[in-house]
Protein backbone atom coordinates (compact mmCIF):
# COMPACT_ATOMS: atom_id res chain seq x y z
CA MET A 1 -4.88 1.37 -21.29
CA VAL A 2 -2.31 0.98 -18.51
CA ASN A 3 0.79 3.10 -18.99
CA ASP A 4 4.39 2.27 -18.02
CA ALA A 5 3.70 -1.47 -17.97
CA VAL A 6 1.68 -1.36 -14.77
CA ALA A 7 -0.79 -4.10 -15.72
CA THR A 8 0.94 -6.42 -13.26
CA HIS A 9 1.42 -3.73 -10.57
CA GLU A 10 -0.89 -4.79 -7.77
CA SER A 11 -1.26 -1.28 -6.33
CA LEU A 12 -3.08 -0.04 -9.40
CA PRO A 13 -6.44 -1.12 -10.82
CA VAL A 14 -6.59 -2.10 -14.48
CA PRO A 15 -9.05 -0.96 -17.15
CA GLY A 16 -12.44 -2.52 -16.58
CA ASP A 17 -12.12 -2.78 -12.79
CA GLU A 18 -15.24 -1.50 -11.05
CA VAL A 19 -14.49 0.81 -8.14
CA GLN A 20 -15.95 3.25 -5.66
CA VAL A 21 -14.64 6.82 -5.73
CA THR A 22 -15.34 9.84 -3.57
CA TRP A 23 -17.32 12.56 -5.36
CA GLY A 24 -17.79 15.56 -3.07
CA LEU A 25 -19.43 14.22 0.07
CA ASP A 26 -20.73 11.11 -1.68
CA THR A 27 -19.25 7.85 -2.84
CA VAL A 28 -20.14 6.86 -6.39
CA ARG A 29 -19.55 3.82 -8.54
CA GLY A 30 -17.35 3.85 -11.60
CA ARG A 31 -15.23 1.85 -14.01
CA VAL A 32 -11.49 2.27 -14.57
CA LEU A 33 -10.57 3.57 -18.04
CA GLU A 34 -6.81 4.10 -17.67
CA SER A 35 -4.07 3.82 -15.08
CA TYR A 36 -0.85 5.82 -15.06
CA ARG A 37 2.06 4.85 -12.84
CA GLY A 38 4.95 7.31 -13.19
CA THR A 39 6.09 9.37 -10.20
CA ARG A 40 2.52 10.39 -9.38
CA PRO A 41 0.21 7.45 -10.16
CA ARG A 42 -3.25 8.41 -11.35
CA VAL A 43 -6.34 6.49 -12.35
CA VAL A 44 -9.00 7.71 -14.78
CA VAL A 45 -12.47 6.55 -13.75
CA GLU A 46 -15.74 6.81 -15.66
CA ILE A 47 -18.66 7.52 -13.34
CA GLU A 48 -21.82 5.70 -14.30
CA PRO A 49 -24.67 7.82 -15.76
CA GLY A 50 -27.26 9.01 -13.29
CA GLN A 51 -24.94 9.33 -10.31
CA VAL A 52 -23.55 12.84 -10.90
CA GLY A 53 -25.62 13.80 -13.92
CA GLU A 54 -27.62 12.31 -16.76
CA SER A 55 -24.53 11.34 -18.73
CA ALA A 56 -21.32 9.59 -17.73
CA ALA A 57 -18.52 11.69 -16.22
CA THR A 58 -14.80 11.06 -15.82
CA VAL A 59 -12.52 11.87 -12.92
CA THR A 60 -8.76 11.43 -12.44
CA VAL A 61 -7.69 10.48 -8.92
CA PRO A 62 -4.75 8.90 -7.07
CA PRO A 63 -5.18 5.15 -6.53
CA GLY A 64 -5.52 5.67 -2.78
CA ALA A 65 -8.81 7.51 -3.40
CA LEU A 66 -10.39 4.36 -4.84
CA GLU A 67 -11.98 1.41 -3.07
CA PRO A 68 -12.82 -1.93 -4.66
CA LEU A 69 -16.42 -3.06 -4.76
CA GLU A 70 -17.32 -5.66 -2.18
CA ASP A 71 -17.47 -8.48 -4.72
CA ALA A 72 -14.37 -7.42 -6.72
CA ARG A 73 -11.79 -10.19 -7.03
CA SER A 74 -8.97 -8.62 -9.09
CA PRO A 75 -5.36 -8.60 -7.82
CA TRP A 76 -5.68 -4.84 -7.20
CA ALA A 77 -8.86 -5.31 -5.17
CA HIS A 78 -7.16 -7.96 -3.05
CA ALA A 79 -4.12 -5.72 -2.48
CA ALA A 80 -6.23 -2.64 -1.75
CA ARG A 81 -8.27 -4.43 0.90
CA PHE A 82 -5.13 -5.81 2.50
CA GLU A 83 -3.42 -2.41 2.61
CA ARG A 84 -6.47 -0.85 4.27
CA ALA A 85 -6.67 -3.66 6.81
CA PHE A 86 -2.96 -3.34 7.57
CA ALA A 87 -3.23 0.44 7.95
CA ALA A 88 -6.06 -0.13 10.44
CA ALA A 89 -3.84 -2.60 12.32
CA LEU A 90 -1.07 -0.02 12.59
CA GLN A 91 -3.50 2.49 14.07
CA ARG A 92 -4.89 -0.15 16.41
CA ILE A 93 -1.50 -1.28 17.67
CA ALA A 94 0.60 1.89 17.68
CA ALA A 95 -1.91 4.73 17.87
CA ASP A 96 0.16 6.60 20.49
CA SER A 97 3.18 6.70 18.15
CA LEU A 98 1.43 7.59 14.88
CA SER A 99 0.51 10.97 13.48
CA THR A 100 -0.90 10.00 10.06
CA VAL A 101 -1.15 6.89 7.90
CA GLU A 102 -1.44 7.38 4.13
CA LEU A 103 -2.15 4.83 1.40
CA SER A 104 -0.50 4.99 -2.04
CA SER A 105 1.67 7.95 -1.12
CA HIS A 106 5.13 9.21 -2.15
CA ILE A 107 8.53 10.15 -0.83
CA ALA A 108 10.94 11.89 -3.19
CA ASP A 109 8.94 10.81 -6.25
CA ARG A 110 8.93 7.16 -5.19
CA GLU A 111 5.62 5.38 -4.77
CA VAL A 112 5.07 4.01 -1.27
CA ASP A 113 2.28 1.54 -0.50
CA VAL A 114 1.73 2.85 3.04
CA LEU A 115 3.41 5.99 4.40
CA VAL A 116 3.42 6.59 8.15
CA HIS A 117 4.31 9.88 9.83
CA LEU A 118 5.29 9.36 13.45
CA ARG A 119 4.70 11.75 16.33
CA ASP A 120 8.44 12.00 16.98
CA GLY A 121 8.99 13.41 13.49
CA GLN A 122 10.23 10.24 11.82
CA THR A 123 8.71 8.73 8.70
CA MET A 124 8.16 5.04 7.90
CA ALA A 125 7.84 3.72 4.34
CA ILE A 126 5.98 0.40 4.15
CA GLU A 127 6.31 -1.95 1.19
CA VAL A 128 3.37 -4.35 0.94
CA LYS A 129 3.66 -7.70 -0.84
CA THR A 130 0.30 -9.40 -1.33
CA ARG A 131 0.67 -12.81 -2.88
CA GLN A 132 -1.26 -16.02 -3.43
CA HIS A 133 1.80 -18.03 -2.37
CA PRO A 134 4.68 -17.57 0.11
CA LEU A 135 7.47 -15.23 -0.97
CA SER A 136 10.65 -16.95 -2.05
CA ALA A 137 13.94 -16.19 -0.32
CA ARG A 138 15.16 -14.52 -3.50
CA GLU A 139 12.10 -12.27 -3.77
CA THR A 140 12.30 -11.37 -0.09
CA MET A 141 16.01 -10.54 -0.24
CA ALA A 142 15.50 -8.41 -3.35
CA GLY A 143 12.66 -6.51 -1.70
CA LEU A 144 14.73 -5.91 1.43
CA ALA A 145 17.75 -4.71 -0.56
CA GLN A 146 15.62 -2.23 -2.48
CA LEU A 147 13.94 -1.01 0.71
CA ARG A 148 17.27 -0.64 2.53
CA ARG A 149 18.69 1.53 -0.25
CA PHE A 150 15.64 3.77 -0.06
CA VAL A 151 15.78 3.93 3.76
CA ASP A 152 19.46 4.93 3.68
CA LYS A 153 18.94 7.53 0.97
CA GLU A 154 15.89 9.23 2.48
CA ASN A 155 16.75 8.68 6.16
CA VAL A 156 13.44 7.02 6.98
CA LEU A 157 12.35 3.78 8.61
CA GLY A 158 11.26 0.88 6.42
CA LEU A 159 8.95 -2.09 6.82
CA LEU A 160 8.38 -4.98 4.42
CA VAL A 161 5.09 -6.78 5.06
CA SER A 162 3.44 -9.71 3.33
CA ASN A 163 0.17 -11.55 3.74
CA GLN A 164 2.10 -14.78 3.24
CA ARG A 165 4.68 -16.67 5.25
CA LEU A 166 8.15 -15.17 4.89
CA PRO A 167 11.38 -17.17 4.67
CA GLU A 168 14.09 -16.81 7.27
CA VAL A 169 16.71 -14.29 6.20
CA PRO A 170 20.03 -13.25 7.81
CA SER A 171 19.69 -10.30 10.19
CA ALA A 172 22.31 -8.46 8.13
CA ALA A 173 19.95 -8.60 5.16
CA VAL A 174 17.25 -6.80 7.12
CA GLY A 175 19.32 -3.94 8.53
CA GLU A 176 18.92 -1.72 11.58
CA ARG A 177 16.21 0.63 10.30
CA VAL A 178 14.16 -1.95 8.42
CA GLY A 179 11.57 -4.41 9.70
CA LEU A 180 10.15 -7.58 8.17
CA VAL A 181 6.82 -9.11 9.13
CA SER A 182 4.14 -11.50 7.95
CA TRP A 183 0.62 -10.27 8.79
CA ARG A 184 -2.80 -11.52 7.70
CA ASP A 185 -5.32 -10.34 10.27
CA GLU A 186 -5.78 -9.51 13.95
CA GLN A 187 -4.37 -12.89 14.95
CA ASP A 188 -0.95 -11.59 13.83
CA ASP A 189 -1.20 -8.29 15.76
CA GLU A 190 1.14 -9.50 18.51
CA GLN A 191 3.87 -10.32 16.02
CA LEU A 192 3.39 -6.99 14.25
CA ALA A 193 3.51 -5.13 17.58
CA ALA A 194 6.86 -6.73 18.42
CA VAL A 195 8.38 -5.74 15.08
CA LEU A 196 7.05 -2.19 15.39
CA GLU A 197 8.41 -1.85 18.92
CA THR A 198 11.89 -2.83 17.76
CA LEU A 199 11.70 -0.57 14.71
CA LEU A 200 10.34 2.49 16.52
CA THR A 201 13.03 2.34 19.18
CA THR A 202 15.86 2.24 16.65
CA ASP A 203 18.34 5.05 17.23
């Protein structure tokens, strides 16, 4: 069961997805039973028998505590791998400016795909769009408008990133405290670095 119509929400696994979850100092294998979105998303996972006891056990964790199995091919698995790779790119490119990078975090009860705390005290909320096709201009503009409202309300920086090519949009649609970038892998690090430099030097 997936609550609050999150079956199409790529940041949450769906029932039946096989995942890895931290259990103490170990990582164990489990299967998703339920996902809850809400203001504090949670995922209920059944741990396979024999890993933490003779019988199956259940644990409820935030989605950021889960990792997809290597051969998983669900939309969530694809998005989770991308978010982790992008977080690693941020640390690789802007390590001197970053304090912490969190996956599936929150600001003011809003879910944030990647939350970055900067050494200068600022916060950056990153919206990740993983798609199998390029984002349309309409989808990009809608995502930017939503991110800009959040940035203005919470006084944070914002970044919209996609693994697909992004359409050209007017600079006014992006705003002064919001960045927009297409990133797939290390080959796009230079482009990401340029966007981050502009964003992190915004007054």
